[in-house]
């Protein structure tokens, strides 16, 4: 069962989802850090498969999902620092593990750098590890504020991305939930893309001192993920080239086994 809650933080309230642990074994809480432009909703399919012996918590960054916004141009560091009160309140001073996916990898790396005393292990899946020029090229229009107009056509791009091009296994209902979740951000829908564009990946990942497992699926981020694994001190790389789509949904049960392996 997935419960919901809120934690007060420096930027307002942070909304989170929690799947209680299953079984008697007691492992550190696992915090799941989501991709842009979505929220912790991204992890609800995979959470039950990760919950053996541990609680799974999926917070929403400020301005995402049910969390209060923090400004027009938040940084990856802002997102990471907003997670700290949640960890302090929910995990009651205990060490935690981190799971990042896409943009969430950057937030996890930053969080592991600024509070290594609270983080035990980190698993990063499909990392957007790019240099300055590549970030500018890749994020481009996606990093600009979302233009809301009275014309329904302003929703054409997110609808095309989330609904028209969805894969059948994800289902219409699940795809629609994710589509509408991103709309909650309004004009700030692309804020996390902008934060990713401005994040110095090379510096951020080189500062990590905790054990990191990098999981590379056969995605458009494969080369970037392999480069990140080289840049992270002592990173353990697991290639899952048998996984190529809907990583957190269609491949949830299979991927969960790999994530748990990376947390041992």
C-alpha atoms as a PDB file:
ATOM      1  CA  UNK A   1       0.000   0.000   0.000  1.00  0.00           C
ATOM      2  CA  UNK A   2       1.273   3.469  -0.896  1.00  0.00           C
ATOM      3  CA  UNK A   3       0.613   6.248   1.606  1.00  0.00           C
ATOM      4  CA  UNK A   4       1.056   9.984   1.156  1.00  0.00           C
ATOM      5  CA  UNK A   5       2.302  12.751   3.387  1.00  0.00           C
ATOM      6  CA  UNK A   6       3.826  16.213   3.581  1.00  0.00           C
ATOM      7  CA  UNK A   7       6.943  17.578   5.257  1.00  0.00           C
ATOM      8  CA  UNK A   8       7.607  21.244   5.976  1.00  0.00           C
ATOM      9  CA  UNK A   9      10.811  22.532   4.451  1.00  0.00           C
ATOM     10  CA  UNK A  10      12.676  25.759   3.651  1.00  0.00           C
ATOM     11  CA  UNK A  11      10.637  26.244   0.451  1.00  0.00           C
ATOM     12  CA  UNK A  12       7.234  25.218   1.786  1.00  0.00           C
ATOM     13  CA  UNK A  13       5.690  21.770   1.979  1.00  0.00           C
ATOM     14  CA  UNK A  14       7.140  18.778   0.154  1.00  0.00           C
ATOM     15  CA  UNK A  15       4.721  16.037  -0.851  1.00  0.00           C
ATOM     16  CA  UNK A  16       5.859  12.421  -0.805  1.00  0.00           C
ATOM     17  CA  UNK A  17       4.606   8.882  -1.364  1.00  0.00           C
ATOM     18  CA  UNK A  18       5.699   5.967   0.805  1.00  0.00           C
ATOM     19  CA  UNK A  19       5.399   2.222   0.334  1.00  0.00           C
ATOM     20  CA  UNK A  20       5.798   0.486   3.697  1.00  0.00           C
ATOM     21  CA  UNK A  21       8.371  -2.270   3.930  1.00  0.00           C
ATOM     22  CA  UNK A  22       7.372  -5.856   3.334  1.00  0.00           C
ATOM     23  CA  UNK A  23       8.835  -8.581   5.564  1.00  0.00           C
ATOM     24  CA  UNK A  24      10.902  -8.474   8.726  1.00  0.00           C
ATOM     25  CA  UNK A  25      14.327  -7.634   7.295  1.00  0.00           C
ATOM     26  CA  UNK A  26      15.253  -4.017   8.018  1.00  0.00           C
ATOM     27  CA  UNK A  27      17.244  -2.123   5.391  1.00  0.00           C
ATOM     28  CA  UNK A  28      17.732   1.666   5.093  1.00  0.00           C
ATOM     29  CA  UNK A  29      14.892   3.690   3.597  1.00  0.00           C
ATOM     30  CA  UNK A  30      15.217   4.152  -0.163  1.00  0.00           C
ATOM     31  CA  UNK A  31      14.457   7.630  -1.560  1.00  0.00           C
ATOM     32  CA  UNK A  32      13.454   7.650  -5.232  1.00  0.00           C
ATOM     33  CA  UNK A  33      14.283  10.878  -7.080  1.00  0.00           C
ATOM     34  CA  UNK A  34      12.193  11.444 -10.165  1.00  0.00           C
ATOM     35  CA  UNK A  35      12.835  12.599 -13.744  1.00  0.00           C
ATOM     36  CA  UNK A  36      11.684  15.885 -15.257  1.00  0.00           C
ATOM     37  CA  UNK A  37       8.958  16.996 -15.720  1.00  0.00           C
ATOM     38  CA  UNK A  38       7.095  14.509 -13.547  1.00  0.00           C
ATOM     39  CA  UNK A  39       6.920  13.687  -9.812  1.00  0.00           C
ATOM     40  CA  UNK A  40       7.222  10.785  -7.413  1.00  0.00           C
ATOM     41  CA  UNK A  41       4.239   9.293  -9.236  1.00  0.00           C
ATOM     42  CA  UNK A  42       6.816   7.985 -11.713  1.00  0.00           C
ATOM     43  CA  UNK A  43       7.885   5.307  -9.218  1.00  0.00           C
ATOM     44  CA  UNK A  44       4.530   3.926  -8.078  1.00  0.00           C
ATOM     45  CA  UNK A  45       4.707   0.852 -10.350  1.00  0.00           C
ATOM     46  CA  UNK A  46       8.175  -0.191  -9.211  1.00  0.00           C
ATOM     47  CA  UNK A  47       7.825   0.693  -5.512  1.00  0.00           C
ATOM     48  CA  UNK A  48       6.173  -2.604  -4.446  1.00  0.00           C
ATOM     49  CA  UNK A  49       8.988  -4.609  -6.066  1.00  0.00           C
ATOM     50  CA  UNK A  50      11.602  -2.652  -4.076  1.00  0.00           C
ATOM     51  CA  UNK A  51       9.891  -2.796  -0.684  1.00  0.00           C
ATOM     52  CA  UNK A  52      11.152  -6.143   0.606  1.00  0.00           C
ATOM     53  CA  UNK A  53      12.814  -5.249   3.909  1.00  0.00           C
ATOM     54  CA  UNK A  54      12.738  -1.483   3.397  1.00  0.00           C
ATOM     55  CA  UNK A  55      10.470   1.536   3.069  1.00  0.00           C
ATOM     56  CA  UNK A  56      10.359   3.250  -0.322  1.00  0.00           C
ATOM     57  CA  UNK A  57       9.820   7.030  -0.351  1.00  0.00           C
ATOM     58  CA  UNK A  58       9.246   9.033  -3.534  1.00  0.00           C
ATOM     59  CA  UNK A  59       9.180  12.805  -2.879  1.00  0.00           C
ATOM     60  CA  UNK A  60       8.058  15.489  -5.350  1.00  0.00           C
ATOM     61  CA  UNK A  61      10.584  18.262  -5.989  1.00  0.00           C
ATOM     62  CA  UNK A  62       9.379  21.782  -5.160  1.00  0.00           C
ATOM     63  CA  UNK A  63       7.016  22.920  -7.912  1.00  0.00           C
ATOM     64  CA  UNK A  64       6.313  19.327  -8.946  1.00  0.00           C
ATOM     65  CA  UNK A  65       3.380  17.092  -8.081  1.00  0.00           C
ATOM     66  CA  UNK A  66       1.934  18.137  -4.738  1.00  0.00           C
ATOM     67  CA  UNK A  67       4.934  20.145  -3.483  1.00  0.00           C
ATOM     68  CA  UNK A  68       4.975  23.910  -3.083  1.00  0.00           C
ATOM     69  CA  UNK A  69       7.015  25.862  -5.680  1.00  0.00           C
ATOM     70  CA  UNK A  70      10.247  27.618  -4.749  1.00  0.00           C
ATOM     71  CA  UNK A  71      10.743  30.092  -7.597  1.00  0.00           C
ATOM     72  CA  UNK A  72      10.988  30.515 -11.330  1.00  0.00           C
ATOM     73  CA  UNK A  73      14.455  29.026 -11.847  1.00  0.00           C
ATOM     74  CA  UNK A  74      15.326  26.454  -9.157  1.00  0.00           C
ATOM     75  CA  UNK A  75      18.638  24.633  -9.345  1.00  0.00           C
ATOM     76  CA  UNK A  76      19.529  20.983  -8.868  1.00  0.00           C
ATOM     77  CA  UNK A  77      21.051  22.039  -5.551  1.00  0.00           C
ATOM     78  CA  UNK A  78      17.716  23.611  -4.530  1.00  0.00           C
ATOM     79  CA  UNK A  79      15.918  20.361  -5.285  1.00  0.00           C
ATOM     80  CA  UNK A  80      18.483  18.355  -3.328  1.00  0.00           C
ATOM     81  CA  UNK A  81      18.334  20.644  -0.306  1.00  0.00           C
ATOM     82  CA  UNK A  82      14.540  20.495  -0.347  1.00  0.00           C
ATOM     83  CA  UNK A  83      14.811  16.724   0.151  1.00  0.00           C
ATOM     84  CA  UNK A  84      16.828  17.034   3.370  1.00  0.00           C
ATOM     85  CA  UNK A  85      13.916  17.948   5.696  1.00  0.00           C
ATOM     86  CA  UNK A  86      11.963  15.004   4.279  1.00  0.00           C
ATOM     87  CA  UNK A  87      14.830  12.621   5.007  1.00  0.00           C
ATOM     88  CA  UNK A  88      15.305  14.087   8.493  1.00  0.00           C
ATOM     89  CA  UNK A  89      11.598  13.863   9.343  1.00  0.00           C
ATOM     90  CA  UNK A  90      10.612  10.592   7.705  1.00  0.00           C
ATOM     91  CA  UNK A  91      13.785   8.591   8.338  1.00  0.00           C
ATOM     92  CA  UNK A  92      14.389  10.034  11.823  1.00  0.00           C
ATOM     93  CA  UNK A  93      18.128  10.570  11.586  1.00  0.00           C
ATOM     94  CA  UNK A  94      18.941   7.172  10.072  1.00  0.00           C
ATOM     95  CA  UNK A  95      21.185   6.692   7.033  1.00  0.00           C
ATOM     96  CA  UNK A  96      19.293   6.310   3.756  1.00  0.00           C
ATOM     97  CA  UNK A  97      19.856   5.016   0.233  1.00  0.00           C
ATOM     98  CA  UNK A  98      19.124   7.012  -2.936  1.00  0.00           C
ATOM     99  CA  UNK A  99      17.734   5.972  -6.314  1.00  0.00           C
ATOM    100  CA  UNK A 100      17.883   8.432  -9.211  1.00  0.00           C
ATOM    101  CA  UNK A 101      16.399   8.150 -12.691  1.00  0.00           C
ATOM    102  CA  UNK A 102      17.217  10.606 -15.508  1.00  0.00           C
ATOM    103  CA  UNK A 103      17.109  14.099 -13.897  1.00  0.00           C
ATOM    104  CA  UNK A 104      16.790  12.371 -10.541  1.00  0.00           C
ATOM    105  CA  UNK A 105      20.363  11.133 -10.990  1.00  0.00           C
ATOM    106  CA  UNK A 106      21.584  14.727 -10.802  1.00  0.00           C
ATOM    107  CA  UNK A 107      19.545  15.400  -7.666  1.00  0.00           C
ATOM    108  CA  UNK A 108      20.801  12.176  -6.079  1.00  0.00           C
ATOM    109  CA  UNK A 109      24.418  13.067  -6.908  1.00  0.00           C
ATOM    110  CA  UNK A 110      24.015  16.534  -5.415  1.00  0.00           C
ATOM    111  CA  UNK A 111      22.307  15.177  -2.315  1.00  0.00           C
ATOM    112  CA  UNK A 112      25.036  12.590  -1.841  1.00  0.00           C
ATOM    113  CA  UNK A 113      27.647  15.343  -2.145  1.00  0.00           C
ATOM    114  CA  UNK A 114      26.136  17.866   0.262  1.00  0.00           C
ATOM    115  CA  UNK A 115      25.074  15.351   2.934  1.00  0.00           C
ATOM    116  CA  UNK A 116      27.309  12.278   2.701  1.00  0.00           C
ATOM    117  CA  UNK A 117      26.761  11.734   6.416  1.00  0.00           C
ATOM    118  CA  UNK A 118      23.129  10.760   5.734  1.00  0.00           C
ATOM    119  CA  UNK A 119      23.597   8.718   2.558  1.00  0.00           C
ATOM    120  CA  UNK A 120      24.731   5.073   2.569  1.00  0.00           C
ATOM    121  CA  UNK A 121      24.495   3.925  -1.072  1.00  0.00           C
ATOM    122  CA  UNK A 122      23.300   5.393  -4.373  1.00  0.00           C
ATOM    123  CA  UNK A 123      21.871   3.754  -7.496  1.00  0.00           C
ATOM    124  CA  UNK A 124      21.672   5.862 -10.664  1.00  0.00           C
ATOM    125  CA  UNK A 125      19.721   4.746 -13.744  1.00  0.00           C
ATOM    126  CA  UNK A 126      20.175   6.286 -17.220  1.00  0.00           C
ATOM    127  CA  UNK A 127      22.135   9.432 -16.401  1.00  0.00           C
ATOM    128  CA  UNK A 128      21.945  12.703 -18.410  1.00  0.00           C
ATOM    129  CA  UNK A 129      25.700  13.282 -18.083  1.00  0.00           C
ATOM    130  CA  UNK A 130      26.588  15.990 -20.613  1.00  0.00           C
ATOM    131  CA  UNK A 131      29.138  18.753 -21.067  1.00  0.00           C
ATOM    132  CA  UNK A 132      28.071  22.403 -21.318  1.00  0.00           C
ATOM    133  CA  UNK A 133      27.695  22.490 -25.105  1.00  0.00           C
ATOM    134  CA  UNK A 134      25.733  19.237 -25.217  1.00  0.00           C
ATOM    135  CA  UNK A 135      23.425  20.341 -22.400  1.00  0.00           C
ATOM    136  CA  UNK A 136      22.653  23.555 -24.248  1.00  0.00           C
ATOM    137  CA  UNK A 137      21.927  21.659 -27.441  1.00  0.00           C
ATOM    138  CA  UNK A 138      19.862  18.861 -25.899  1.00  0.00           C
ATOM    139  CA  UNK A 139      17.724  20.889 -23.517  1.00  0.00           C
ATOM    140  CA  UNK A 140      17.255  23.911 -25.791  1.00  0.00           C
ATOM    141  CA  UNK A 141      13.529  24.660 -26.002  1.00  0.00           C
ATOM    142  CA  UNK A 142      12.720  22.092 -23.305  1.00  0.00           C
ATOM    143  CA  UNK A 143      14.396  24.281 -20.678  1.00  0.00           C
ATOM    144  CA  UNK A 144      12.272  27.355 -21.418  1.00  0.00           C
ATOM    145  CA  UNK A 145       9.134  28.253 -19.415  1.00  0.00           C
ATOM    146  CA  UNK A 146       6.057  26.432 -20.657  1.00  0.00           C
ATOM    147  CA  UNK A 147       3.804  28.731 -22.676  1.00  0.00           C
ATOM    148  CA  UNK A 148       0.165  28.436 -21.609  1.00  0.00           C
ATOM    149  CA  UNK A 149      -2.401  29.876 -24.009  1.00  0.00           C
ATOM    150  CA  UNK A 150      -6.152  29.680 -24.498  1.00  0.00           C
ATOM    151  CA  UNK A 151      -5.488  27.457 -27.506  1.00  0.00           C
ATOM    152  CA  UNK A 152      -5.623  23.736 -26.743  1.00  0.00           C
ATOM    153  CA  UNK A 153      -2.701  23.391 -29.121  1.00  0.00           C
ATOM    154  CA  UNK A 154      -0.319  24.502 -26.375  1.00  0.00           C
ATOM    155  CA  UNK A 155      -0.709  20.983 -24.938  1.00  0.00           C
ATOM    156  CA  UNK A 156       0.123  19.284 -28.227  1.00  0.00           C
ATOM    157  CA  UNK A 157       3.776  18.548 -27.464  1.00  0.00           C
ATOM    158  CA  UNK A 158       3.282  16.965 -24.014  1.00  0.00           C
ATOM    159  CA  UNK A 159       0.250  15.051 -25.350  1.00  0.00           C
ATOM    160  CA  UNK A 160       2.282  13.719 -28.270  1.00  0.00           C
ATOM    161  CA  UNK A 161       5.141  12.751 -25.956  1.00  0.00           C
ATOM    162  CA  UNK A 162       3.033  11.171 -23.246  1.00  0.00           C
ATOM    163  CA  UNK A 163      -0.042   9.782 -24.987  1.00  0.00           C
ATOM    164  CA  UNK A 164       0.306   9.478 -28.762  1.00  0.00           C
ATOM    165  CA  UNK A 165       3.760   7.876 -28.561  1.00  0.00           C
ATOM    166  CA  UNK A 166       3.159   5.821 -25.427  1.00  0.00           C
ATOM    167  CA  UNK A 167       3.848   2.088 -25.556  1.00  0.00           C
ATOM    168  CA  UNK A 168       0.891  -0.269 -25.240  1.00  0.00           C
ATOM    169  CA  UNK A 169       2.179  -1.996 -22.098  1.00  0.00           C
ATOM    170  CA  UNK A 170       2.040   1.255 -20.157  1.00  0.00           C
ATOM    171  CA  UNK A 171      -1.700   1.556 -20.677  1.00  0.00           C
ATOM    172  CA  UNK A 172      -3.844   4.593 -21.397  1.00  0.00           C
ATOM    173  CA  UNK A 173      -4.764   5.224 -17.741  1.00  0.00           C
ATOM    174  CA  UNK A 174      -1.158   5.175 -16.496  1.00  0.00           C
ATOM    175  CA  UNK A 175       0.034   7.342 -19.378  1.00  0.00           C
ATOM    176  CA  UNK A 176      -2.765   9.830 -18.753  1.00  0.00           C
ATOM    177  CA  UNK A 177      -1.911  10.020 -15.050  1.00  0.00           C
ATOM    178  CA  UNK A 178       1.684  10.921 -15.926  1.00  0.00           C
ATOM    179  CA  UNK A 179       0.541  13.389 -18.602  1.00  0.00           C
ATOM    180  CA  UNK A 180      -1.757  15.271 -16.212  1.00  0.00           C
ATOM    181  CA  UNK A 181       0.823  15.187 -13.398  1.00  0.00           C
ATOM    182  CA  UNK A 182       3.264  17.297 -15.387  1.00  0.00           C
ATOM    183  CA  UNK A 183       0.539  19.856 -16.163  1.00  0.00           C
ATOM    184  CA  UNK A 184       0.274  20.652 -12.450  1.00  0.00           C
ATOM    185  CA  UNK A 185       3.512  22.637 -12.762  1.00  0.00           C
ATOM    186  CA  UNK A 186       1.885  25.188 -15.086  1.00  0.00           C
ATOM    187  CA  UNK A 187       4.370  27.613 -16.615  1.00  0.00           C
ATOM    188  CA  UNK A 188       7.139  25.974 -14.561  1.00  0.00           C
ATOM    189  CA  UNK A 189       6.653  22.568 -16.190  1.00  0.00           C
ATOM    190  CA  UNK A 190      10.156  22.739 -17.657  1.00  0.00           C
ATOM    191  CA  UNK A 191      11.924  24.087 -14.562  1.00  0.00           C
ATOM    192  CA  UNK A 192      13.739  20.823 -13.825  1.00  0.00           C
ATOM    193  CA  UNK A 193      14.988  20.676 -17.423  1.00  0.00           C
ATOM    194  CA  UNK A 194      16.431  24.154 -16.937  1.00  0.00           C
ATOM    195  CA  UNK A 195      18.038  23.040 -13.669  1.00  0.00           C
ATOM    196  CA  UNK A 196      19.586  20.055 -15.467  1.00  0.00           C
ATOM    197  CA  UNK A 197      20.856  22.308 -18.253  1.00  0.00           C
ATOM    198  CA  UNK A 198      22.668  24.489 -15.712  1.00  0.00           C
ATOM    199  CA  UNK A 199      24.086  21.632 -13.611  1.00  0.00           C
ATOM    200  CA  UNK A 200      27.846  21.003 -13.792  1.00  0.00           C
ATOM    201  CA  UNK A 201      27.760  17.219 -14.139  1.00  0.00           C
ATOM    202  CA  UNK A 202      31.521  16.741 -14.178  1.00  0.00           C
ATOM    203  CA  UNK A 203      32.023  18.528 -10.869  1.00  0.00           C
ATOM    204  CA  UNK A 204      28.902  17.123  -9.244  1.00  0.00           C
ATOM    205  CA  UNK A 205      29.655  13.482  -9.966  1.00  0.00           C
ATOM    206  CA  UNK A 206      33.385  13.724  -9.208  1.00  0.00           C
ATOM    207  CA  UNK A 207      32.583  14.800  -5.622  1.00  0.00           C
ATOM    208  CA  UNK A 208      30.719  11.606  -4.755  1.00  0.00           C
ATOM    209  CA  UNK A 209      32.367   9.620  -1.987  1.00  0.00           C
ATOM    210  CA  UNK A 210      29.668   7.026  -1.273  1.00  0.00           C
ATOM    211  CA  UNK A 211      29.304   3.667  -3.065  1.00  0.00           C
ATOM    212  CA  UNK A 212      27.491   4.255  -6.372  1.00  0.00           C
ATOM    213  CA  UNK A 213      25.998   1.704  -8.736  1.00  0.00           C
ATOM    214  CA  UNK A 214      25.252   2.928 -12.258  1.00  0.00           C
ATOM    215  CA  UNK A 215      22.596   1.027 -14.204  1.00  0.00           C
ATOM    216  CA  UNK A 216      22.634   1.520 -17.983  1.00  0.00           C
ATOM    217  CA  UNK A 217      19.639   0.421 -20.030  1.00  0.00           C
ATOM    218  CA  UNK A 218      19.552   0.403 -23.833  1.00  0.00           C
ATOM    219  CA  UNK A 219      18.172   3.931 -24.011  1.00  0.00           C
ATOM    220  CA  UNK A 220      19.064   7.215 -25.692  1.00  0.00           C
ATOM    221  CA  UNK A 221      21.139   7.968 -22.565  1.00  0.00           C
ATOM    222  CA  UNK A 222      23.320   4.853 -22.886  1.00  0.00           C
ATOM    223  CA  UNK A 223      26.504   6.646 -23.984  1.00  0.00           C
ATOM    224  CA  UNK A 224      26.020   9.414 -21.427  1.00  0.00           C
ATOM    225  CA  UNK A 225      25.431   6.855 -18.685  1.00  0.00           C
ATOM    226  CA  UNK A 226      28.604   4.956 -19.567  1.00  0.00           C
ATOM    227  CA  UNK A 227      30.528   8.242 -19.489  1.00  0.00           C
ATOM    228  CA  UNK A 228      29.079   9.045 -16.070  1.00  0.00           C
ATOM    229  CA  UNK A 229      30.157   5.664 -14.739  1.00  0.00           C
ATOM    230  CA  UNK A 230      33.715   6.545 -15.757  1.00  0.00           C
ATOM    231  CA  UNK A 231      33.506   9.932 -14.027  1.00  0.00           C
ATOM    232  CA  UNK A 232      32.142   8.709 -10.683  1.00  0.00           C
ATOM    233  CA  UNK A 233      34.932   7.563  -8.343  1.00  0.00           C
ATOM    234  CA  UNK A 234      34.751   3.800  -7.838  1.00  0.00           C
ATOM    235  CA  UNK A 235      31.357   3.410  -9.531  1.00  0.00           C
ATOM    236  CA  UNK A 236      30.007  -0.082 -10.120  1.00  0.00           C
ATOM    237  CA  UNK A 237      28.491  -0.357 -13.618  1.00  0.00           C
ATOM    238  CA  UNK A 238      25.654  -2.757 -14.422  1.00  0.00           C
ATOM    239  CA  UNK A 239      24.593  -2.850 -18.072  1.00  0.00           C
ATOM    240  CA  UNK A 240      21.003  -3.959 -18.666  1.00  0.00           C
ATOM    241  CA  UNK A 241      20.853  -3.800 -22.432  1.00  0.00           C
ATOM    242  CA  UNK A 242      17.898  -6.185 -22.367  1.00  0.00           C
ATOM    243  CA  UNK A 243      15.832  -3.267 -21.014  1.00  0.00           C
ATOM    244  CA  UNK A 244      15.055  -0.668 -23.659  1.00  0.00           C
ATOM    245  CA  UNK A 245      11.750   1.035 -22.815  1.00  0.00           C
ATOM    246  CA  UNK A 246       9.305   1.943 -20.031  1.00  0.00           C
ATOM    247  CA  UNK A 247      12.086   1.293 -17.548  1.00  0.00           C
ATOM    248  CA  UNK A 248      10.035   1.992 -14.411  1.00  0.00           C
ATOM    249  CA  UNK A 249       6.789   0.457 -15.664  1.00  0.00           C
ATOM    250  CA  UNK A 250       7.044  -2.348 -18.210  1.00  0.00           C
ATOM    251  CA  UNK A 251      10.444  -3.418 -16.816  1.00  0.00           C
ATOM    252  CA  UNK A 252       9.668  -2.615 -13.170  1.00  0.00           C
ATOM    253  CA  UNK A 253       9.971  -6.095 -11.681  1.00  0.00           C
ATOM    254  CA  UNK A 254      13.114  -6.957 -13.653  1.00  0.00           C
ATOM    255  CA  UNK A 255      14.800  -3.634 -12.926  1.00  0.00           C
ATOM    256  CA  UNK A 256      13.954  -3.818  -9.214  1.00  0.00           C
ATOM    257  CA  UNK A 257      16.140  -6.915  -8.915  1.00  0.00           C
ATOM    258  CA  UNK A 258      19.076  -4.971 -10.355  1.00  0.00           C
ATOM    259  CA  UNK A 259      18.444  -1.971  -8.082  1.00  0.00           C
ATOM    260  CA  UNK A 260      18.378  -4.188  -4.991  1.00  0.00           C
ATOM    261  CA  UNK A 261      21.625  -5.794  -6.162  1.00  0.00           C
ATOM    262  CA  UNK A 262      23.187  -2.325  -6.340  1.00  0.00           C
ATOM    263  CA  UNK A 263      22.167  -1.568  -2.749  1.00  0.00           C
ATOM    264  CA  UNK A 264      23.933  -4.593  -1.244  1.00  0.00           C
END
